Amino acid sequence: MSRKSFIENQNVVENLWKQYQIDKDPKWLAEICLNVPFFDNPEVGKEIAKLLESQFHKRSSDAED
């Protein structure tokens, strides 16, 4: 697995942030977390993404009730 350059990471974050600004769907924030290395600690991003996704699913199911 190759490491992305700073510029590549910056572009990923910029694009996903724009998507989030359009529809406020936390899945875009989770994608940012999964795609940014967190100072060579990718497990940090995975955990944040998991929390964001579980919070979103919890909120979605509450809205359906």
C-alpha atoms as a PDB file:
ATOM      1  CA  MET A   1       0.000   0.000   0.000  1.00  0.00           C
ATOM      2  CA  SER A   2       1.579   3.241  -1.076  1.00  0.00           C
ATOM      3  CA  ARG A   3       1.465   6.342   1.042  1.00  0.00           C
ATOM      4  CA  LYS A   4      -0.219   9.374  -0.440  1.00  0.00           C
ATOM      5  CA  SER A   5       1.641  12.622  -0.637  1.00  0.00           C
ATOM      6  CA  PHE A   6       0.600  15.634   1.381  1.00  0.00           C
ATOM      7  CA  ILE A   7      -0.888  17.197  -1.763  1.00  0.00           C
ATOM      8  CA  GLU A   8      -2.900  14.053  -2.523  1.00  0.00           C
ATOM      9  CA  ASN A   9      -4.248  13.957   1.039  1.00  0.00           C
ATOM     10  CA  GLN A  10      -5.034  17.656   0.850  1.00  0.00           C
ATOM     11  CA  ASN A  11      -7.015  17.123  -2.376  1.00  0.00           C
ATOM     12  CA  VAL A  12      -8.929  14.174  -0.907  1.00  0.00           C
ATOM     13  CA  VAL A  13      -9.885  16.187   2.169  1.00  0.00           C
ATOM     14  CA  GLU A  14     -10.857  19.215   0.081  1.00  0.00           C
ATOM     15  CA  ASN A  15     -13.127  17.172  -2.198  1.00  0.00           C
ATOM     16  CA  LEU A  16     -14.764  15.184   0.588  1.00  0.00           C
ATOM     17  CA  TRP A  17     -15.269  18.347   2.662  1.00  0.00           C
ATOM     18  CA  LYS A  18     -17.064  19.962  -0.304  1.00  0.00           C
ATOM     19  CA  GLN A  19     -19.357  16.932  -0.474  1.00  0.00           C
ATOM     20  CA  TYR A  20     -20.061  17.240   3.246  1.00  0.00           C
ATOM     21  CA  GLN A  21     -20.868  20.931   2.861  1.00  0.00           C
ATOM     22  CA  ILE A  22     -23.458  20.075   0.207  1.00  0.00           C
ATOM     23  CA  ASP A  23     -25.500  17.483   2.085  1.00  0.00           C
ATOM     24  CA  LYS A  24     -24.121  17.417   5.670  1.00  0.00           C
ATOM     25  CA  ASP A  25     -23.866  13.621   5.482  1.00  0.00           C
ATOM     26  CA  PRO A  26     -21.297  12.456   8.067  1.00  0.00           C
ATOM     27  CA  LYS A  27     -20.228   9.651   5.734  1.00  0.00           C
ATOM     28  CA  TRP A  28     -18.010  12.252   4.026  1.00  0.00           C
ATOM     29  CA  LEU A  29     -16.329  13.070   7.341  1.00  0.00           C
ATOM     30  CA  ALA A  30     -15.843   9.352   7.941  1.00  0.00           C
ATOM     31  CA  GLU A  31     -14.247   9.047   4.499  1.00  0.00           C
ATOM     32  CA  ILE A  32     -11.859  11.859   5.373  1.00  0.00           C
ATOM     33  CA  CYS A  33     -10.892   9.989   8.530  1.00  0.00           C
ATOM     34  CA  LEU A  34     -10.306   6.782   6.588  1.00  0.00           C
ATOM     35  CA  ASN A  35      -8.168   8.529   3.977  1.00  0.00           C
ATOM     36  CA  VAL A  36      -5.901  10.674   6.143  1.00  0.00           C
ATOM     37  CA  PRO A  37      -2.981   8.944   7.883  1.00  0.00           C
ATOM     38  CA  PHE A  38      -3.251  10.720  11.268  1.00  0.00           C
ATOM     39  CA  PHE A  39       0.511  10.979  11.633  1.00  0.00           C
ATOM     40  CA  ASP A  40       1.072   7.309  10.721  1.00  0.00           C
ATOM     41  CA  ASN A  41      -1.687   6.133  13.061  1.00  0.00           C
ATOM     42  CA  PRO A  42      -4.461   5.072  10.670  1.00  0.00           C
ATOM     43  CA  GLU A  43      -6.286   3.279  13.499  1.00  0.00           C
ATOM     44  CA  VAL A  44      -7.196   6.752  14.832  1.00  0.00           C
ATOM     45  CA  GLY A  45      -9.022   7.576  11.607  1.00  0.00           C
ATOM     46  CA  LYS A  46     -10.728   4.188  11.565  1.00  0.00           C
ATOM     47  CA  GLU A  47     -12.027   4.689  15.096  1.00  0.00           C
ATOM     48  CA  ILE A  48     -13.279   8.219  14.393  1.00  0.00           C
ATOM     49  CA  ALA A  49     -14.973   6.989  11.207  1.00  0.00           C
ATOM     50  CA  LYS A  50     -16.652   4.176  13.134  1.00  0.00           C
ATOM     51  CA  LEU A  51     -17.969   6.641  15.723  1.00  0.00           C
ATOM     52  CA  LEU A  52     -19.233   9.039  13.067  1.00  0.00           C
ATOM     53  CA  GLU A  53     -20.985   6.281  11.159  1.00  0.00           C
ATOM     54  CA  SER A  54     -22.582   4.784  14.276  1.00  0.00           C
ATOM     55  CA  GLN A  55     -23.760   8.226  15.408  1.00  0.00           C
ATOM     56  CA  PHE A  56     -25.252   8.882  11.971  1.00  0.00           C
ATOM     57  CA  HIS A  57     -27.036   5.523  11.892  1.00  0.00           C
ATOM     58  CA  LYS A  58     -28.362   6.089  15.406  1.00  0.00           C
ATOM     59  CA  ARG A  59     -29.672   9.536  14.443  1.00  0.00           C
ATOM     60  CA  SER A  60     -31.205   8.165  11.211  1.00  0.00           C
ATOM     61  CA  SER A  61     -33.073   5.395  13.038  1.00  0.00           C
ATOM     62  CA  ASP A  62     -34.337   7.902  15.638  1.00  0.00           C
ATOM     63  CA  ALA A  63     -35.747  10.045  12.837  1.00  0.00           C
ATOM     64  CA  GLU A  64     -37.601   7.061  11.390  1.00  0.00           C
ATOM     65  CA  ASP A  65     -39.383   6.301  14.694  1.00  0.00           C
END
